[in-house]
Amino acid sequence: MKEITTLKLKKIIETNPNTYIIDVRDKIHYDAGHIKNSINVPLYELEDFSTELPRDKDIYVICKVGNKSSNAVLMLNELGFENCINVRGGMLSYDGITEKTVR
């Protein structure tokens, strides 16, 4: 499984603000604070959402600490996605810019 640190992800986002990031946490946690432009797809919805994922760019997968995102990457690998990268440490160790969902 491909993995990167949150520091590396932060640098990637700085050079490419359109980096494709999936946050697999539940909606309530995503809404409380997430990486700008990330897409919220809770882990239990990921397989159904997989038909919408790009196959021509890297997909960075993040969660709270890295466990759910690791499972998500393994699931996507089994579905034939070789471009998925787990973000070790998750949102707990991410110190980049985040935003909250306002409802």
Protein backbone atom coordinates (compact mmCIF):
# COMPACT_ATOMS: atom_id res chain seq x y z
CA MET A 1 0.00 0.00 0.00
CA LYS A 2 1.23 3.46 -0.87
CA GLU A 3 1.43 5.87 2.07
CA ILE A 4 2.58 9.40 2.78
CA THR A 5 2.80 11.59 5.86
CA THR A 6 0.54 14.54 6.53
CA LEU A 7 3.56 16.82 6.09
CA LYS A 8 4.10 15.47 2.57
CA LEU A 9 0.38 15.89 1.77
CA LYS A 10 0.51 19.49 2.98
CA LYS A 11 3.40 20.18 0.56
CA ILE A 12 1.53 18.49 -2.30
CA ILE A 13 -1.55 20.64 -1.61
CA GLU A 14 0.60 23.80 -1.54
CA THR A 15 1.84 23.06 -5.08
CA ASN A 16 -1.49 21.71 -6.35
CA PRO A 17 -4.61 23.06 -4.63
CA ASN A 18 -6.73 20.69 -6.78
CA THR A 19 -5.21 17.59 -5.19
CA TYR A 20 -7.88 14.85 -5.06
CA ILE A 21 -8.50 14.04 -1.38
CA ILE A 22 -11.15 11.75 0.04
CA ASP A 23 -11.96 12.05 3.74
CA VAL A 24 -13.52 8.77 4.90
CA ARG A 25 -14.64 9.98 8.33
CA ASP A 26 -18.31 10.24 9.22
CA LYS A 27 -20.02 13.45 8.14
CA ILE A 28 -20.19 14.95 11.65
CA HIS A 29 -16.39 14.71 12.03
CA TYR A 30 -15.78 15.96 8.49
CA ASP A 31 -18.05 18.96 9.08
CA ALA A 32 -16.15 19.81 12.28
CA GLY A 33 -12.92 20.33 10.31
CA HIS A 34 -11.50 19.07 7.03
CA ILE A 35 -8.97 19.86 4.34
CA LYS A 36 -10.28 22.44 1.92
CA ASN A 37 -11.62 20.89 -1.32
CA SER A 38 -11.57 17.38 0.13
CA ILE A 39 -14.54 15.14 -0.60
CA ASN A 40 -16.38 13.45 2.24
CA VAL A 41 -17.16 9.81 1.47
CA PRO A 42 -17.63 7.85 4.70
CA LEU A 43 -15.91 4.47 4.56
CA TYR A 44 -19.21 2.57 4.49
CA GLU A 45 -20.24 4.48 1.30
CA LEU A 46 -16.90 4.22 -0.49
CA GLU A 47 -17.53 1.11 -2.57
CA ASP A 48 -20.72 2.60 -4.04
CA PHE A 49 -18.91 5.90 -4.69
CA SER A 50 -15.94 4.19 -6.37
CA THR A 51 -17.51 4.51 -9.84
CA GLU A 52 -17.11 8.29 -9.49
CA LEU A 53 -13.40 8.19 -8.66
CA PRO A 54 -10.79 9.26 -11.19
CA ARG A 55 -8.42 6.65 -12.48
CA ASP A 56 -6.08 9.19 -14.08
CA LYS A 57 -4.86 11.02 -10.96
CA ASP A 58 -3.63 10.21 -7.48
CA ILE A 59 -6.28 9.85 -4.80
CA TYR A 60 -5.19 10.72 -1.26
CA VAL A 61 -7.31 9.10 1.45
CA ILE A 62 -7.45 10.54 4.96
CA CYS A 63 -9.36 9.85 8.17
CA LYS A 64 -8.84 10.70 11.85
CA VAL A 65 -5.57 8.80 12.45
CA GLY A 66 -4.97 6.57 9.43
CA ASN A 67 -6.80 3.33 10.23
CA LYS A 68 -10.02 3.85 8.26
CA SER A 69 -8.11 5.41 5.39
CA SER A 70 -5.79 2.40 5.31
CA ASN A 71 -8.82 0.11 5.03
CA ALA A 72 -10.26 2.38 2.34
CA VAL A 73 -7.07 2.20 0.27
CA LEU A 74 -7.02 -1.60 0.56
CA MET A 75 -10.66 -1.75 -0.57
CA LEU A 76 -9.99 0.53 -3.52
CA ASN A 77 -6.90 -1.48 -4.47
CA GLU A 78 -9.10 -4.59 -4.57
CA LEU A 79 -11.48 -2.71 -6.88
CA GLY A 80 -8.59 -2.07 -9.27
CA PHE A 81 -7.51 1.41 -8.18
CA GLU A 82 -3.72 1.56 -8.07
CA ASN A 83 -3.56 5.34 -7.63
CA CYS A 84 -4.73 5.52 -3.99
CA ILE A 85 -2.45 6.74 -1.23
CA ASN A 86 -3.07 6.45 2.51
CA VAL A 87 -2.29 9.54 4.61
CA ARG A 88 -0.61 8.28 7.79
CA GLY A 89 -1.48 10.15 10.96
CA GLY A 90 -4.75 11.46 9.57
CA MET A 91 -6.40 14.69 10.54
CA LEU A 92 -5.03 14.48 14.08
CA SER A 93 -1.54 15.13 12.75
CA TYR A 94 -2.45 17.40 9.81
CA ASP A 95 -1.38 20.98 10.54
CA GLY A 96 -2.34 22.59 7.25
CA ILE A 97 -5.29 24.84 6.54
CA THR A 98 -8.67 23.31 7.31
CA GLU A 99 -12.23 24.51 7.09
CA LYS A 100 -15.52 23.69 8.74
CA THR A 101 -18.82 23.01 7.04
CA VAL A 102 -21.33 25.68 8.01
CA ARG A 103 -24.97 24.65 7.95
